[in-house]
Amino acid sequence: MFNWFRGKTKTKDVAKDRLRVVLMQDRLSLSQGLMEEIKDEVIMAISKYVEIDRPGIEFTWKETDRKRALVANIPVISIKRGANSNDRVTQRSY
């Protein structure tokens, strides 16, 4: 029964976060297409050096007093030995 109430809160929080992102993109004059281009380019650049878990990637906007930041949470599976190499270094636990 209590899980049902938590689910409602989570849905509300997700909707609130989505609205916040849309409003911030609007203030920054970023179209959804441009935002997707930025995400794709960040992923391509990082993929040169590490193998990433694409389904786990999250991009969010954070806003403080006078600054806005694009925050990327990119799960790393392994680190590549060289920029153009297929060699992998085993994943380390930190």
PDB file of N, CA and C in Angstrom:
ATOM      1  N   MET A   1       0.811  -1.188   0.000  1.00  0.00           N
ATOM      2  CA  MET A   1       0.000   0.000   0.000  1.00  0.00           C
ATOM      3  C   MET A   1       0.861   1.262   0.000  1.00  0.00           C
ATOM      4  N   PHE A   2       1.920   1.278   0.791  1.00  0.00           N
ATOM      5  CA  PHE A   2       2.773   2.454   0.848  1.00  0.00           C
ATOM      6  C   PHE A   2       3.551   2.657  -0.438  1.00  0.00           C
ATOM      7  N   ASN A   3       3.886   1.583  -1.152  1.00  0.00           N
ATOM      8  CA  ASN A   3       4.577   1.719  -2.436  1.00  0.00           C
ATOM      9  C   ASN A   3       3.727   2.496  -3.431  1.00  0.00           C
ATOM     10  N   TRP A   4       2.421   2.335  -3.339  1.00  0.00           N
ATOM     11  CA  TRP A   4       1.531   3.043  -4.245  1.00  0.00           C
ATOM     12  C   TRP A   4       1.676   4.550  -4.051  1.00  0.00           C
ATOM     13  N   PHE A   5       1.757   4.986  -2.795  1.00  0.00           N
ATOM     14  CA  PHE A   5       1.919   6.414  -2.524  1.00  0.00           C
ATOM     15  C   PHE A   5       3.269   6.916  -2.990  1.00  0.00           C
ATOM     16  N   ARG A   6       4.304   6.129  -2.808  1.00  0.00           N
ATOM     17  CA  ARG A   6       5.634   6.532  -3.270  1.00  0.00           C
ATOM     18  C   ARG A   6       5.663   6.673  -4.782  1.00  0.00           C
ATOM     19  N   GLY A   7       4.968   5.785  -5.480  1.00  0.00           N
ATOM     20  CA  GLY A   7       4.919   5.858  -6.937  1.00  0.00           C
ATOM     21  C   GLY A   7       4.330   7.175  -7.416  1.00  0.00           C
ATOM     22  N   LYS A   8       3.294   7.642  -6.738  1.00  0.00           N
ATOM     23  CA  LYS A   8       2.671   8.922  -7.084  1.00  0.00           C
ATOM     24  C   LYS A   8       3.659  10.072  -6.909  1.00  0.00           C
ATOM     25  N   THR A   9       4.381  10.047  -5.813  1.00  0.00           N
ATOM     26  CA  THR A   9       5.356  11.103  -5.559  1.00  0.00           C
ATOM     27  C   THR A   9       6.437  11.093  -6.623  1.00  0.00           C
ATOM     28  N   LYS A  10       6.903   9.912  -6.985  1.00  0.00           N
ATOM     29  CA  LYS A  10       7.955   9.812  -7.985  1.00  0.00           C
ATOM     30  C   LYS A  10       7.460  10.361  -9.322  1.00  0.00           C
ATOM     31  N   THR A  11       6.254  10.018  -9.715  1.00  0.00           N
ATOM     32  CA  THR A  11       5.691  10.517 -10.969  1.00  0.00           C
ATOM     33  C   THR A  11       5.601  12.039 -10.938  1.00  0.00           C
ATOM     34  N   LYS A  12       5.171  12.573  -9.819  1.00  0.00           N
ATOM     35  CA  LYS A  12       5.077  14.027  -9.669  1.00  0.00           C
ATOM     36  C   LYS A  12       6.456  14.668  -9.791  1.00  0.00           C
ATOM     37  N   ASP A  13       7.447  14.063  -9.144  1.00  0.00           N
ATOM     38  CA  ASP A  13       8.806  14.601  -9.188  1.00  0.00           C
ATOM     39  C   ASP A  13       9.388  14.545 -10.595  1.00  0.00           C
ATOM     40  N   VAL A  14       9.127  13.459 -11.310  1.00  0.00           N
ATOM     41  CA  VAL A  14       9.611  13.331 -12.688  1.00  0.00           C
ATOM     42  C   VAL A  14       8.977  14.410 -13.559  1.00  0.00           C
ATOM     43  N   ALA A  15       7.684  14.608 -13.416  1.00  0.00           N
ATOM     44  CA  ALA A  15       6.993  15.636 -14.203  1.00  0.00           C
ATOM     45  C   ALA A  15       7.533  17.027 -13.871  1.00  0.00           C
ATOM     46  N   LYS A  16       7.790  17.269 -12.608  1.00  0.00           N
ATOM     47  CA  LYS A  16       8.332  18.557 -12.176  1.00  0.00           C
ATOM     48  C   LYS A  16       9.717  18.789 -12.773  1.00  0.00           C
ATOM     49  N   ASP A  17      10.568  17.759 -12.751  1.00  0.00           N
ATOM     50  CA  ASP A  17      11.906  17.873 -13.333  1.00  0.00           C
ATOM     51  C   ASP A  17      11.842  18.114 -14.834  1.00  0.00           C
ATOM     52  N   ARG A  18      10.945  17.418 -15.514  1.00  0.00           N
ATOM     53  CA  ARG A  18      10.805  17.610 -16.964  1.00  0.00           C
ATOM     54  C   ARG A  18      10.370  19.040 -17.282  1.00  0.00           C
ATOM     55  N   LEU A  19       9.430  19.551 -16.518  1.00  0.00           N
ATOM     56  CA  LEU A  19       8.979  20.927 -16.728  1.00  0.00           C
ATOM     57  C   LEU A  19      10.116  21.906 -16.476  1.00  0.00           C
ATOM     58  N   ARG A  20      10.889  21.663 -15.432  1.00  0.00           N
ATOM     59  CA  ARG A  20      12.030  22.530 -15.111  1.00  0.00           C
ATOM     60  C   ARG A  20      13.024  22.552 -16.267  1.00  0.00           C
ATOM     61  N   VAL A  21      13.301  21.378 -16.855  1.00  0.00           N
ATOM     62  CA  VAL A  21      14.235  21.293 -17.984  1.00  0.00           C
ATOM     63  C   VAL A  21      13.685  22.047 -19.191  1.00  0.00           C
ATOM     64  N   VAL A  22      12.414  21.870 -19.476  1.00  0.00           N
ATOM     65  CA  VAL A  22      11.802  22.555 -20.618  1.00  0.00           C
ATOM     66  C   VAL A  22      11.858  24.069 -20.426  1.00  0.00           C
ATOM     67  N   LEU A  23      11.549  24.535 -19.232  1.00  0.00           N
ATOM     68  CA  LEU A  23      11.598  25.979 -18.962  1.00  0.00           C
ATOM     69  C   LEU A  23      13.014  26.526 -19.071  1.00  0.00           C
ATOM     70  N   MET A  24      13.986  25.764 -18.584  1.00  0.00           N
ATOM     71  CA  MET A  24      15.374  26.220 -18.663  1.00  0.00           C
ATOM     72  C   MET A  24      15.847  26.242 -20.119  1.00  0.00           C
ATOM     73  N   GLN A  25      15.480  25.216 -20.894  1.00  0.00           N
ATOM     74  CA  GLN A  25      15.846  25.208 -22.309  1.00  0.00           C
ATOM     75  C   GLN A  25      15.237  26.412 -23.013  1.00  0.00           C
ATOM     76  N   ASP A  26      14.012  26.747 -22.646  1.00  0.00           N
ATOM     77  CA  ASP A  26      13.351  27.895 -23.246  1.00  0.00           C
ATOM     78  C   ASP A  26      14.087  29.186 -22.895  1.00  0.00           C
ATOM     79  N   ARG A  27      14.485  29.339 -21.639  1.00  0.00           N
ATOM     80  CA  ARG A  27      15.224  30.536 -21.216  1.00  0.00           C
ATOM     81  C   ARG A  27      16.565  30.641 -21.922  1.00  0.00           C
ATOM     82  N   LEU A  28      17.179  29.499 -22.201  1.00  0.00           N
ATOM     83  CA  LEU A  28      18.477  29.492 -22.875  1.00  0.00           C
ATOM     84  C   LEU A  28      18.331  29.553 -24.392  1.00  0.00           C
ATOM     85  N   SER A  29      17.105  29.563 -24.876  1.00  0.00           N
ATOM     86  CA  SER A  29      16.814  29.550 -26.314  1.00  0.00           C
ATOM     87  C   SER A  29      17.399  28.314 -26.986  1.00  0.00           C
ATOM     88  N   LEU A  30      17.318  27.171 -26.302  1.00  0.00           N
ATOM     89  CA  LEU A  30      17.786  25.904 -26.868  1.00  0.00           C
ATOM     90  C   LEU A  30      16.592  25.118 -27.380  1.00  0.00           C
ATOM     91  N   SER A  31      16.616  24.780 -28.655  1.00  0.00           N
ATOM     92  CA  SER A  31      15.558  23.932 -29.180  1.00  0.00           C
ATOM     93  C   SER A  31      15.837  22.492 -28.759  1.00  0.00           C
ATOM     94  N   GLN A  32      14.820  21.661 -28.810  1.00  0.00           N
ATOM     95  CA  GLN A  32      15.009  20.246 -28.468  1.00  0.00           C
ATOM     96  C   GLN A  32      16.015  19.612 -29.427  1.00  0.00           C
ATOM     97  N   GLY A  33      15.983  20.010 -30.701  1.00  0.00           N
ATOM     98  CA  GLY A  33      16.931  19.479 -31.682  1.00  0.00           C
ATOM     99  C   GLY A  33      18.368  19.831 -31.351  1.00  0.00           C
ATOM    100  N   LEU A  34      18.599  21.082 -30.952  1.00  0.00           N
ATOM    101  CA  LEU A  34      19.948  21.502 -30.577  1.00  0.00           C
ATOM    102  C   LEU A  34      20.411  20.769 -29.325  1.00  0.00           C
ATOM    103  N   MET A  35      19.504  20.578 -28.377  1.00  0.00           N
ATOM    104  CA  MET A  35      19.849  19.842 -27.159  1.00  0.00           C
ATOM    105  C   MET A  35      20.264  18.414 -27.496  1.00  0.00           C
ATOM    106  N   GLU A  36      19.553  17.781 -28.400  1.00  0.00           N
ATOM    107  CA  GLU A  36      19.898  16.416 -28.819  1.00  0.00           C
ATOM    108  C   GLU A  36      21.255  16.391 -29.520  1.00  0.00           C
ATOM    109  N   GLU A  37      21.547  17.412 -30.327  1.00  0.00           N
ATOM    110  CA  GLU A  37      22.860  17.496 -30.987  1.00  0.00           C
ATOM    111  C   GLU A  37      23.979  17.598 -29.960  1.00  0.00           C
ATOM    112  N   ILE A  38      23.778  18.420 -28.948  1.00  0.00           N
ATOM    113  CA  ILE A  38      24.784  18.568 -27.894  1.00  0.00           C
ATOM    114  C   ILE A  38      25.016  17.225 -27.212  1.00  0.00           C
ATOM    115  N   LYS A  39      23.936  16.541 -26.845  1.00  0.00           N
ATOM    116  CA  LYS A  39      24.053  15.231 -26.193  1.00  0.00           C
ATOM    117  C   LYS A  39      24.813  14.251 -27.078  1.00  0.00           C
ATOM    118  N   ASP A  40      24.445  14.187 -28.363  1.00  0.00           N
ATOM    119  CA  ASP A  40      25.100  13.254 -29.290  1.00  0.00           C
ATOM    120  C   ASP A  40      26.591  13.547 -29.417  1.00  0.00           C
ATOM    121  N   GLU A  41      26.951  14.823 -29.504  1.00  0.00           N
ATOM    122  CA  GLU A  41      28.368  15.180 -29.641  1.00  0.00           C
ATOM    123  C   GLU A  41      29.158  14.867 -28.376  1.00  0.00           C
ATOM    124  N   VAL A  42      28.563  15.088 -27.214  1.00  0.00           N
ATOM    125  CA  VAL A  42      29.236  14.741 -25.957  1.00  0.00           C
ATOM    126  C   VAL A  42      29.461  13.233 -25.894  1.00  0.00           C
ATOM    127  N   ILE A  43      28.447  12.463 -26.244  1.00  0.00           N
ATOM    128  CA  ILE A  43      28.557  11.000 -26.227  1.00  0.00           C
ATOM    129  C   ILE A  43      29.621  10.527 -27.212  1.00  0.00           C
ATOM    130  N   MET A  44      29.647  11.097 -28.422  1.00  0.00           N
ATOM    131  CA  MET A  44      30.661  10.706 -29.411  1.00  0.00           C
ATOM    132  C   MET A  44      32.061  11.025 -28.918  1.00  0.00           C
ATOM    133  N   ALA A  45      32.249  12.194 -28.320  1.00  0.00           N
ATOM    134  CA  ALA A  45      33.576  12.587 -27.836  1.00  0.00           C
ATOM    135  C   ALA A  45      34.049  11.659 -26.724  1.00  0.00           C
ATOM    136  N   ILE A  46      33.201  11.366 -25.776  1.00  0.00           N
ATOM    137  CA  ILE A  46      33.583  10.506 -24.657  1.00  0.00           C
ATOM    138  C   ILE A  46      33.795   9.069 -25.113  1.00  0.00           C
ATOM    139  N   SER A  47      33.027   8.632 -26.102  1.00  0.00           N
ATOM    140  CA  SER A  47      33.139   7.258 -26.605  1.00  0.00           C
ATOM    141  C   SER A  47      34.498   6.966 -27.233  1.00  0.00           C
ATOM    142  N   LYS A  48      35.243   7.992 -27.608  1.00  0.00           N
ATOM    143  CA  LYS A  48      36.587   7.788 -28.151  1.00  0.00           C
ATOM    144  C   LYS A  48      37.524   7.223 -27.092  1.00  0.00           C
ATOM    145  N   TYR A  49      37.242   7.515 -25.827  1.00  0.00           N
ATOM    146  CA  TYR A  49      38.161   7.175 -24.745  1.00  0.00           C
ATOM    147  C   TYR A  49      37.642   6.099 -23.796  1.00  0.00           C
ATOM    148  N   VAL A  50      36.328   5.965 -23.705  1.00  0.00           N
ATOM    149  CA  VAL A  50      35.751   4.966 -22.806  1.00  0.00           C
ATOM    150  C   VAL A  50      34.565   4.282 -23.471  1.00  0.00           C
ATOM    151  N   GLU A  51      34.307   3.050 -23.049  1.00  0.00           N
ATOM    152  CA  GLU A  51      33.103   2.349 -23.479  1.00  0.00           C
ATOM    153  C   GLU A  51      32.022   2.709 -22.472  1.00  0.00           C
ATOM    154  N   ILE A  52      30.887   3.182 -22.972  1.00  0.00           N
ATOM    155  CA  ILE A  52      29.846   3.666 -22.071  1.00  0.00           C
ATOM    156  C   ILE A  52      28.579   2.829 -22.172  1.00  0.00           C
ATOM    157  N   ASP A  53      27.778   2.895 -21.126  1.00  0.00           N
ATOM    158  CA  ASP A  53      26.477   2.223 -21.073  1.00  0.00           C
ATOM    159  C   ASP A  53      25.430   3.221 -21.564  1.00  0.00           C
ATOM    160  N   ARG A  54      25.145   3.202 -22.854  1.00  0.00           N
ATOM    161  CA  ARG A  54      24.263   4.212 -23.457  1.00  0.00           C
ATOM    162  C   ARG A  54      22.875   4.289 -22.829  1.00  0.00           C
ATOM    163  N   PRO A  55      22.225   3.148 -22.524  1.00  0.00           N
ATOM    164  CA  PRO A  55      20.891   3.268 -21.910  1.00  0.00           C
ATOM    165  C   PRO A  55      20.908   3.958 -20.538  1.00  0.00           C
ATOM    166  N   GLY A  56      22.045   3.959 -19.869  1.00  0.00           N
ATOM    167  CA  GLY A  56      22.126   4.554 -18.541  1.00  0.00           C
ATOM    168  C   GLY A  56      22.491   6.027 -18.522  1.00  0.00           C
ATOM    169  N   ILE A  57      22.693   6.630 -19.691  1.00  0.00           N
ATOM    170  CA  ILE A  57      23.117   8.034 -19.765  1.00  0.00           C
ATOM    171  C   ILE A  57      21.968   8.966 -19.389  1.00  0.00           C
ATOM    172  N   GLU A  58      22.291   9.956 -18.569  1.00  0.00           N
ATOM    173  CA  GLU A  58      21.306  10.970 -18.181  1.00  0.00           C
ATOM    174  C   GLU A  58      21.926  12.358 -18.321  1.00  0.00           C
ATOM    175  N   PHE A  59      21.199  13.257 -18.936  1.00  0.00           N
ATOM    176  CA  PHE A  59      21.598  14.661 -19.016  1.00  0.00           C
ATOM    177  C   PHE A  59      20.539  15.469 -18.276  1.00  0.00           C
ATOM    178  N   THR A  60      20.979  16.336 -17.386  1.00  0.00           N
ATOM    179  CA  THR A  60      20.040  17.186 -16.658  1.00  0.00           C
ATOM    180  C   THR A  60      20.582  18.608 -16.601  1.00  0.00           C
ATOM    181  N   TRP A  61      19.689  19.539 -16.392  1.00  0.00           N
ATOM    182  CA  TRP A  61      20.063  20.935 -16.193  1.00  0.00           C
ATOM    183  C   TRP A  61      19.994  21.241 -14.714  1.00  0.00           C
ATOM    184  N   LYS A  62      21.004  21.907 -14.209  1.00  0.00           N
ATOM    185  CA  LYS A  62      21.024  22.371 -12.821  1.00  0.00           C
ATOM    186  C   LYS A  62      21.156  23.884 -12.858  1.00  0.00           C
ATOM    187  N   GLU A  63      20.491  24.531 -11.945  1.00  0.00           N
ATOM    188  CA  GLU A  63      20.559  25.993 -11.905  1.00  0.00           C
ATOM    189  C   GLU A  63      20.856  26.437 -10.480  1.00  0.00           C
ATOM    190  N   THR A  64      21.854  27.300 -10.342  1.00  0.00           N
ATOM    191  CA  THR A  64      22.162  27.907  -9.048  1.00  0.00           C
ATOM    192  C   THR A  64      21.818  29.382  -9.142  1.00  0.00           C
ATOM    193  N   ASP A  65      22.328  30.181  -8.255  1.00  0.00           N
ATOM    194  CA  ASP A  65      21.973  31.603  -8.216  1.00  0.00           C
ATOM    195  C   ASP A  65      22.062  32.292  -9.575  1.00  0.00           C
ATOM    196  N   ARG A  66      23.220  32.224 -10.193  1.00  0.00           N
ATOM    197  CA  ARG A  66      23.406  32.938 -11.464  1.00  0.00           C
ATOM    198  C   ARG A  66      23.930  32.057 -12.578  1.00  0.00           C
ATOM    199  N   LYS A  67      24.058  30.767 -12.316  1.00  0.00           N
ATOM    200  CA  LYS A  67      24.668  29.892 -13.318  1.00  0.00           C
ATOM    201  C   LYS A  67      23.760  28.719 -13.646  1.00  0.00           C
ATOM    202  N   ARG A  68      23.837  28.307 -14.886  1.00  0.00           N
ATOM    203  CA  ARG A  68      23.143  27.101 -15.334  1.00  0.00           C
ATOM    204  C   ARG A  68      24.202  26.115 -15.788  1.00  0.00           C
ATOM    205  N   ALA A  69      23.971  24.838 -15.502  1.00  0.00           N
ATOM    206  CA  ALA A  69      24.948  23.818 -15.879  1.00  0.00           C
ATOM    207  C   ALA A  69      24.234  22.624 -16.493  1.00  0.00           C
ATOM    208  N   LEU A  70      24.835  22.093 -17.541  1.00  0.00           N
ATOM    209  CA  LEU A  70      24.381  20.838 -18.120  1.00  0.00           C
ATOM    210  C   LEU A  70      25.189  19.752 -17.427  1.00  0.00           C
ATOM    211  N   VAL A  71      24.511  18.867 -16.732  1.00  0.00           N
ATOM    212  CA  VAL A  71      25.176  17.816 -15.967  1.00  0.00           C
ATOM    213  C   VAL A  71      24.931  16.488 -16.669  1.00  0.00           C
ATOM    214  N   ALA A  72      26.024  15.784 -16.953  1.00  0.00           N
ATOM    215  CA  ALA A  72      25.931  14.491 -17.630  1.00  0.00           C
ATOM    216  C   ALA A  72      26.327  13.383 -16.669  1.00  0.00           C
ATOM    217  N   ASN A  73      25.477  12.380 -16.549  1.00  0.00           N
ATOM    218  CA  ASN A  73      25.779  11.183 -15.783  1.00  0.00           C
ATOM    219  C   ASN A  73      25.953  10.074 -16.814  1.00  0.00           C
ATOM    220  N   ILE A  74      27.209   9.674 -17.050  1.00  0.00           N
ATOM    221  CA  ILE A  74      27.526   8.721 -18.111  1.00  0.00           C
ATOM    222  C   ILE A  74      28.215   7.506 -17.501  1.00  0.00           C
ATOM    223  N   PRO A  75      27.500   6.382 -17.371  1.00  0.00           N
ATOM    224  CA  PRO A  75      28.106   5.179 -16.802  1.00  0.00           C
ATOM    225  C   PRO A  75      29.210   4.636 -17.713  1.00  0.00           C
ATOM    226  N   VAL A  76      30.386   4.427 -17.141  1.00  0.00           N
ATOM    227  CA  VAL A  76      31.539   3.928 -17.890  1.00  0.00           C
ATOM    228  C   VAL A  76      31.672   2.428 -17.658  1.00  0.00           C
ATOM    229  N   ILE A  77      31.736   1.670 -18.759  1.00  0.00           N
ATOM    230  CA  ILE A  77      31.904   0.219 -18.681  1.00  0.00           C
ATOM    231  C   ILE A  77      33.382  -0.123 -18.590  1.00  0.00           C
ATOM    232  N   SER A  78      34.174   0.476 -19.472  1.00  0.00           N
ATOM    233  CA  SER A  78      35.618   0.245 -19.446  1.00  0.00           C
ATOM    234  C   SER A  78      36.328   1.417 -20.105  1.00  0.00           C
ATOM    235  N   ILE A  79      37.624   1.503 -19.851  1.00  0.00           N
ATOM    236  CA  ILE A  79      38.437   2.576 -20.408  1.00  0.00           C
ATOM    237  C   ILE A  79      39.261   2.013 -21.554  1.00  0.00           C
ATOM    238  N   LYS A  80      39.286   2.726 -22.667  1.00  0.00           N
ATOM    239  CA  LYS A  80      40.063   2.288 -23.823  1.00  0.00           C
ATOM    240  C   LYS A  80      41.521   2.664 -23.614  1.00  0.00           C
ATOM    241  N   ARG A  81      42.428   1.828 -24.071  1.00  0.00           N
ATOM    242  CA  ARG A  81      43.868   2.084 -23.893  1.00  0.00           C
ATOM    243  C   ARG A  81      44.339   3.266 -24.730  1.00  0.00           C
ATOM    244  N   GLY A  82      43.815   3.404 -25.931  1.00  0.00           N
ATOM    245  CA  GLY A  82      44.207   4.507 -26.803  1.00  0.00           C
ATOM    246  C   GLY A  82      42.978   5.084 -27.462  1.00  0.00           C
ATOM    247  N   ALA A  83      43.104   6.298 -27.928  1.00  0.00           N
ATOM    248  CA  ALA A  83      41.950   6.972 -28.528  1.00  0.00           C
ATOM    249  C   ALA A  83      41.390   6.205 -29.710  1.00  0.00           C
ATOM    250  N   ASN A  84      42.239   5.559 -30.497  1.00  0.00           N
ATOM    251  CA  ASN A  84      41.778   4.836 -31.677  1.00  0.00           C
ATOM    252  C   ASN A  84      41.929   3.331 -31.528  1.00  0.00           C
ATOM    253  N   SER A  85      42.126   2.877 -30.317  1.00  0.00           N
ATOM    254  CA  SER A  85      42.372   1.463 -30.072  1.00  0.00           C
ATOM    255  C   SER A  85      41.109   0.765 -29.601  1.00  0.00           C
ATOM    256  N   ASN A  86      40.994  -0.509 -29.946  1.00  0.00           N
ATOM    257  CA  ASN A  86      39.884  -1.311 -29.458  1.00  0.00           C
ATOM    258  C   ASN A  86      40.247  -2.018 -28.162  1.00  0.00           C
ATOM    259  N   ASP A  87      41.499  -1.858 -27.707  1.00  0.00           N
ATOM    260  CA  ASP A  87      41.925  -2.470 -26.456  1.00  0.00           C
ATOM    261  C   ASP A  87      41.170  -1.842 -25.300  1.00  0.00           C
ATOM    262  N   ARG A  88      40.835  -2.655 -24.322  1.00  0.00           N
ATOM    263  CA  ARG A  88      40.103  -2.171 -23.162  1.00  0.00           C
ATOM    264  C   ARG A  88      40.900  -2.452 -21.887  1.00  0.00           C
ATOM    265  N   VAL A  89      40.771  -1.576 -20.956  1.00  0.00           N
ATOM    266  CA  VAL A  89      41.312  -1.790 -19.625  1.00  0.00           C
ATOM    267  C   VAL A  89      40.143  -2.273 -18.785  1.00  0.00           C
ATOM    268  N   THR A  90      40.377  -3.229 -17.928  1.00  0.00           N
ATOM    269  CA  THR A  90      39.271  -3.760 -17.140  1.00  0.00           C
ATOM    270  C   THR A  90      38.685  -2.683 -16.244  1.00  0.00           C
ATOM    271  N   GLN A  91      37.410  -2.829 -15.969  1.00  0.00           N
ATOM    272  CA  GLN A  91      36.711  -1.855 -15.137  1.00  0.00           C
ATOM    273  C   GLN A  91      37.199  -1.967 -13.700  1.00  0.00           C
ATOM    274  N   ARG A  92      37.377  -0.834 -13.077  1.00  0.00           N
ATOM    275  CA  ARG A  92      37.833  -0.802 -11.692  1.00  0.00           C
ATOM    276  C   ARG A  92      36.676  -0.424 -10.785  1.00  0.00           C
ATOM    277  N   SER A  93      36.671  -0.989  -9.603  1.00  0.00           N
ATOM    278  CA  SER A  93      35.672  -0.614  -8.600  1.00  0.00           C
ATOM    279  C   SER A  93      36.275   0.438  -7.691  1.00  0.00           C
ATOM    280  N   TYR A  94      35.554   1.516  -7.504  1.00  0.00           N
ATOM    281  CA  TYR A  94      36.039   2.594  -6.639  1.00  0.00           C
ATOM    282  C   TYR A  94      35.193   2.690  -5.401  1.00  0.00           C
TER     283      TYR A  94
END
